[in-house]
């Protein structure tokens, strides 16, 4: 029974690792989009110029 419990615990740990990795990737995507939308990659003045057609 101890081996079964150990196997179950290892499976749960592996599942949690996968979920944590996906969550971390989603956080990176959200941060990347935030950087773009806030003008980190493109200056806000450049965005304004583009929107104004300059």
PDB file of N, CA and C in Angstrom:
ATOM      1  N   UNK A   1       0.821  -1.196   0.000  1.00  0.00           N
ATOM      2  CA  UNK A   1       0.000   0.000   0.000  1.00  0.00           C
ATOM      3  C   UNK A   1       0.868   1.264   0.000  1.00  0.00           C
ATOM      4  N   UNK A   2       2.012   1.216   0.634  1.00  0.00           N
ATOM      5  CA  UNK A   2       2.885   2.387   0.659  1.00  0.00           C
ATOM      6  C   UNK A   2       3.394   2.733  -0.737  1.00  0.00           C
ATOM      7  N   UNK A   3       3.670   1.701  -1.542  1.00  0.00           N
ATOM      8  CA  UNK A   3       4.121   1.958  -2.913  1.00  0.00           C
ATOM      9  C   UNK A   3       3.017   2.609  -3.731  1.00  0.00           C
ATOM     10  N   UNK A   4       1.781   2.171  -3.505  1.00  0.00           N
ATOM     11  CA  UNK A   4       0.644   2.751  -4.212  1.00  0.00           C
ATOM     12  C   UNK A   4       0.483   4.219  -3.836  1.00  0.00           C
ATOM     13  N   UNK A   5       0.632   4.530  -2.563  1.00  0.00           N
ATOM     14  CA  UNK A   5       0.512   5.912  -2.109  1.00  0.00           C
ATOM     15  C   UNK A   5       1.640   6.765  -2.682  1.00  0.00           C
ATOM     16  N   UNK A   6       2.837   6.199  -2.744  1.00  0.00           N
ATOM     17  CA  UNK A   6       3.971   6.919  -3.311  1.00  0.00           C
ATOM     18  C   UNK A   6       3.754   7.181  -4.797  1.00  0.00           C
ATOM     19  N   UNK A   7       3.276   6.177  -5.516  1.00  0.00           N
ATOM     20  CA  UNK A   7       2.992   6.348  -6.941  1.00  0.00           C
ATOM     21  C   UNK A   7       1.923   7.414  -7.164  1.00  0.00           C
ATOM     22  N   UNK A   8       0.881   7.370  -6.345  1.00  0.00           N
ATOM     23  CA  UNK A   8      -0.186   8.359  -6.466  1.00  0.00           C
ATOM     24  C   UNK A   8       0.356   9.763  -6.180  1.00  0.00           C
ATOM     25  N   UNK A   9       1.178   9.891  -5.160  1.00  0.00           N
ATOM     26  CA  UNK A   9       1.767  11.193  -4.821  1.00  0.00           C
ATOM     27  C   UNK A   9       2.652  11.696  -5.958  1.00  0.00           C
ATOM     28  N   UNK A  10       3.436  10.824  -6.556  1.00  0.00           N
ATOM     29  CA  UNK A  10       4.302  11.223  -7.669  1.00  0.00           C
ATOM     30  C   UNK A  10       3.487  11.649  -8.883  1.00  0.00           C
ATOM     31  N   UNK A  11       2.389  10.960  -9.134  1.00  0.00           N
ATOM     32  CA  UNK A  11       1.512  11.338 -10.246  1.00  0.00           C
ATOM     33  C   UNK A  11       0.903  12.718  -9.999  1.00  0.00           C
ATOM     34  N   UNK A  12       0.480  12.954  -8.764  1.00  0.00           N
ATOM     35  CA  UNK A  12      -0.110  14.253  -8.434  1.00  0.00           C
ATOM     36  C   UNK A  12       0.926  15.368  -8.549  1.00  0.00           C
ATOM     37  N   UNK A  13       2.135  15.094  -8.117  1.00  0.00           N
ATOM     38  CA  UNK A  13       3.205  16.083  -8.229  1.00  0.00           C
ATOM     39  C   UNK A  13       3.478  16.398  -9.692  1.00  0.00           C
ATOM     40  N   UNK A  14       3.521  15.378 -10.535  1.00  0.00           N
ATOM     41  CA  UNK A  14       3.759  15.583 -11.964  1.00  0.00           C
ATOM     42  C   UNK A  14       2.636  16.427 -12.576  1.00  0.00           C
ATOM     43  N   UNK A  15       1.400  16.143 -12.189  1.00  0.00           N
ATOM     44  CA  UNK A  15       0.263  16.910 -12.693  1.00  0.00           C
ATOM     45  C   UNK A  15       0.350  18.361 -12.242  1.00  0.00           C
ATOM     46  N   UNK A  16       0.702  18.568 -10.984  1.00  0.00           N
ATOM     47  CA  UNK A  16       0.849  19.934 -10.473  1.00  0.00           C
ATOM     48  C   UNK A  16       1.981  20.678 -11.172  1.00  0.00           C
ATOM     49  N   UNK A  17       3.066  19.988 -11.465  1.00  0.00           N
ATOM     50  CA  UNK A  17       4.174  20.611 -12.198  1.00  0.00           C
ATOM     51  C   UNK A  17       3.715  21.076 -13.571  1.00  0.00           C
ATOM     52  N   UNK A  18       2.929  20.255 -14.250  1.00  0.00           N
ATOM     53  CA  UNK A  18       2.427  20.618 -15.573  1.00  0.00           C
ATOM     54  C   UNK A  18       1.501  21.827 -15.493  1.00  0.00           C
ATOM     55  N   UNK A  19       0.621  21.830 -14.495  1.00  0.00           N
ATOM     56  CA  UNK A  19      -0.298  22.952 -14.332  1.00  0.00           C
ATOM     57  C   UNK A  19       0.463  24.229 -14.001  1.00  0.00           C
ATOM     58  N   UNK A  20       1.467  24.121 -13.162  1.00  0.00           N
ATOM     59  CA  UNK A  20       2.268  25.278 -12.791  1.00  0.00           C
ATOM     60  C   UNK A  20       3.018  25.837 -13.993  1.00  0.00           C
ATOM     61  N   UNK A  21       3.536  24.958 -14.839  1.00  0.00           N
ATOM     62  CA  UNK A  21       4.241  25.397 -16.044  1.00  0.00           C
ATOM     63  C   UNK A  21       3.291  26.130 -16.982  1.00  0.00           C
ATOM     64  N   UNK A  22       2.085  25.607 -17.171  1.00  0.00           N
ATOM     65  CA  UNK A  22       1.102  26.270 -18.033  1.00  0.00           C
ATOM     66  C   UNK A  22       0.729  27.630 -17.462  1.00  0.00           C
ATOM     67  N   UNK A  23       0.530  27.699 -16.145  1.00  0.00           N
ATOM     68  CA  UNK A  23       0.178  28.955 -15.501  1.00  0.00           C
ATOM     69  C   UNK A  23       1.298  29.973 -15.693  1.00  0.00           C
ATOM     70  N   UNK A  24       2.528  29.557 -15.526  1.00  0.00           N
ATOM     71  CA  UNK A  24       3.674  30.443 -15.700  1.00  0.00           C
ATOM     72  C   UNK A  24       3.739  30.961 -17.135  1.00  0.00           C
ATOM     73  N   UNK A  25       3.472  30.093 -18.095  1.00  0.00           N
ATOM     74  CA  UNK A  25       3.473  30.511 -19.495  1.00  0.00           C
ATOM     75  C   UNK A  25       2.376  31.537 -19.754  1.00  0.00           C
ATOM     76  N   UNK A  26       1.208  31.334 -19.149  1.00  0.00           N
ATOM     77  CA  UNK A  26       0.120  32.295 -19.314  1.00  0.00           C
ATOM     78  C   UNK A  26       0.478  33.641 -18.696  1.00  0.00           C
ATOM     79  N   UNK A  27       1.164  33.617 -17.564  1.00  0.00           N
ATOM     80  CA  UNK A  27       1.594  34.870 -16.955  1.00  0.00           C
ATOM     81  C   UNK A  27       2.564  35.609 -17.866  1.00  0.00           C
ATOM     82  N   UNK A  28       3.464  34.889 -18.491  1.00  0.00           N
ATOM     83  CA  UNK A  28       4.401  35.517 -19.414  1.00  0.00           C
ATOM     84  C   UNK A  28       3.678  36.136 -20.587  1.00  0.00           C
ATOM     85  N   UNK A  29       2.688  35.450 -21.126  1.00  0.00           N
ATOM     86  CA  UNK A  29       1.928  35.975 -22.254  1.00  0.00           C
ATOM     87  C   UNK A  29       1.212  37.247 -21.828  1.00  0.00           C
ATOM     88  N   UNK A  30       0.585  37.217 -20.651  1.00  0.00           N
ATOM     89  CA  UNK A  30      -0.128  38.399 -20.175  1.00  0.00           C
ATOM     90  C   UNK A  30       0.844  39.560 -19.996  1.00  0.00           C
ATOM     91  N   UNK A  31       2.019  39.289 -19.452  1.00  0.00           N
ATOM     92  CA  UNK A  31       3.006  40.341 -19.263  1.00  0.00           C
ATOM     93  C   UNK A  31       3.492  40.876 -20.603  1.00  0.00           C
ATOM     94  N   UNK A  32       3.711  39.994 -21.564  1.00  0.00           N
ATOM     95  CA  UNK A  32       4.157  40.423 -22.889  1.00  0.00           C
ATOM     96  C   UNK A  32       3.113  41.316 -23.537  1.00  0.00           C
ATOM     97  N   UNK A  33       1.847  40.928 -23.441  1.00  0.00           N
ATOM     98  CA  UNK A  33       0.789  41.758 -24.011  1.00  0.00           C
ATOM     99  C   UNK A  33       0.709  43.092 -23.288  1.00  0.00           C
ATOM    100  N   UNK A  34       0.900  43.064 -21.985  1.00  0.00           N
ATOM    101  CA  UNK A  34       0.892  44.299 -21.213  1.00  0.00           C
ATOM    102  C   UNK A  34       2.014  45.219 -21.644  1.00  0.00           C
ATOM    103  N   UNK A  35       3.201  44.647 -21.882  1.00  0.00           N
ATOM    104  CA  UNK A  35       4.327  45.458 -22.336  1.00  0.00           C
ATOM    105  C   UNK A  35       4.001  46.124 -23.667  1.00  0.00           C
ATOM    106  N   UNK A  36       3.421  45.369 -24.569  1.00  0.00           N
ATOM    107  CA  UNK A  36       3.100  45.903 -25.896  1.00  0.00           C
ATOM    108  C   UNK A  36       2.019  46.976 -25.782  1.00  0.00           C
ATOM    109  N   UNK A  37       0.955  46.680 -25.027  1.00  0.00           N
ATOM    110  CA  UNK A  37      -0.153  47.621 -24.922  1.00  0.00           C
ATOM    111  C   UNK A  37       0.238  48.895 -24.188  1.00  0.00           C
ATOM    112  N   UNK A  38       1.152  48.794 -23.245  1.00  0.00           N
ATOM    113  CA  UNK A  38       1.573  49.969 -22.482  1.00  0.00           C
ATOM    114  C   UNK A  38       2.662  50.750 -23.191  1.00  0.00           C
ATOM    115  N   UNK A  39       3.124  50.239 -24.308  1.00  0.00           N
ATOM    116  CA  UNK A  39       4.120  50.972 -25.074  1.00  0.00           C
ATOM    117  C   UNK A  39       5.542  50.695 -24.645  1.00  0.00           C
ATOM    118  N   UNK A  40       5.771  49.571 -23.998  1.00  0.00           N
ATOM    119  CA  UNK A  40       7.130  49.255 -23.578  1.00  0.00           C
ATOM    120  C   UNK A  40       8.009  48.950 -24.775  1.00  0.00           C
ATOM    121  N   UNK A  41       7.457  48.239 -25.751  1.00  0.00           N
ATOM    122  CA  UNK A  41       8.231  47.927 -26.948  1.00  0.00           C
ATOM    123  C   UNK A  41       8.153  49.057 -27.965  1.00  0.00           C
ATOM    124  N   UNK A  42       7.016  49.740 -27.985  1.00  0.00           N
ATOM    125  CA  UNK A  42       6.825  50.877 -28.871  1.00  0.00           C
ATOM    126  C   UNK A  42       6.533  52.070 -27.964  1.00  0.00           C
ATOM    127  N   UNK A  43       7.204  53.144 -28.180  1.00  0.00           N
ATOM    128  CA  UNK A  43       6.986  54.320 -27.344  1.00  0.00           C
ATOM    129  C   UNK A  43       5.560  54.816 -27.487  1.00  0.00           C
ATOM    130  N   UNK A  44       5.021  55.329 -26.402  1.00  0.00           N
ATOM    131  CA  UNK A  44       3.643  55.832 -26.435  1.00  0.00           C
ATOM    132  C   UNK A  44       3.492  56.953 -27.461  1.00  0.00           C
ATOM    133  N   UNK A  45       4.510  57.792 -27.593  1.00  0.00           N
ATOM    134  CA  UNK A  45       4.439  58.877 -28.577  1.00  0.00           C
ATOM    135  C   UNK A  45       4.350  58.314 -29.992  1.00  0.00           C
ATOM    136  N   UNK A  46       5.054  57.212 -30.240  1.00  0.00           N
ATOM    137  CA  UNK A  46       4.976  56.567 -31.557  1.00  0.00           C
ATOM    138  C   UNK A  46       3.579  56.002 -31.797  1.00  0.00           C
ATOM    139  N   UNK A  47       2.982  55.433 -30.763  1.00  0.00           N
ATOM    140  CA  UNK A  47       1.620  54.909 -30.902  1.00  0.00           C
ATOM    141  C   UNK A  47       0.662  56.049 -31.211  1.00  0.00           C
ATOM    142  N   UNK A  48       0.820  57.167 -30.501  1.00  0.00           N
ATOM    143  CA  UNK A  48      -0.047  58.322 -30.748  1.00  0.00           C
ATOM    144  C   UNK A  48       0.124  58.827 -32.173  1.00  0.00           C
ATOM    145  N   UNK A  49       1.358  58.885 -32.644  1.00  0.00           N
ATOM    146  CA  UNK A  49       1.621  59.322 -34.021  1.00  0.00           C
ATOM    147  C   UNK A  49       0.966  58.386 -35.026  1.00  0.00           C
ATOM    148  N   UNK A  50       1.029  57.110 -34.765  1.00  0.00           N
ATOM    149  CA  UNK A  50       0.413  56.136 -35.668  1.00  0.00           C
ATOM    150  C   UNK A  50      -1.103  56.331 -35.686  1.00  0.00           C
ATOM    151  N   UNK A  51      -1.693  56.497 -34.498  1.00  0.00           N
ATOM    152  CA  UNK A  51      -3.137  56.673 -34.410  1.00  0.00           C
ATOM    153  C   UNK A  51      -3.585  57.974 -35.059  1.00  0.00           C
ATOM    154  N   UNK A  52      -2.742  58.989 -35.011  1.00  0.00           N
ATOM    155  CA  UNK A  52      -3.067  60.264 -35.632  1.00  0.00           C
ATOM    156  C   UNK A  52      -2.755  60.285 -37.125  1.00  0.00           C
ATOM    157  N   UNK A  53      -2.139  59.229 -37.616  1.00  0.00           N
ATOM    158  CA  UNK A  53      -1.835  59.125 -39.044  1.00  0.00           C
ATOM    159  C   UNK A  53      -0.544  59.808 -39.447  1.00  0.00           C
ATOM    160  N   UNK A  54       0.305  60.062 -38.497  1.00  0.00           N
ATOM    161  CA  UNK A  54       1.578  60.717 -38.795  1.00  0.00           C
ATOM    162  C   UNK A  54       2.668  59.696 -38.999  1.00  0.00           C
TER     163      UNK A  54
END
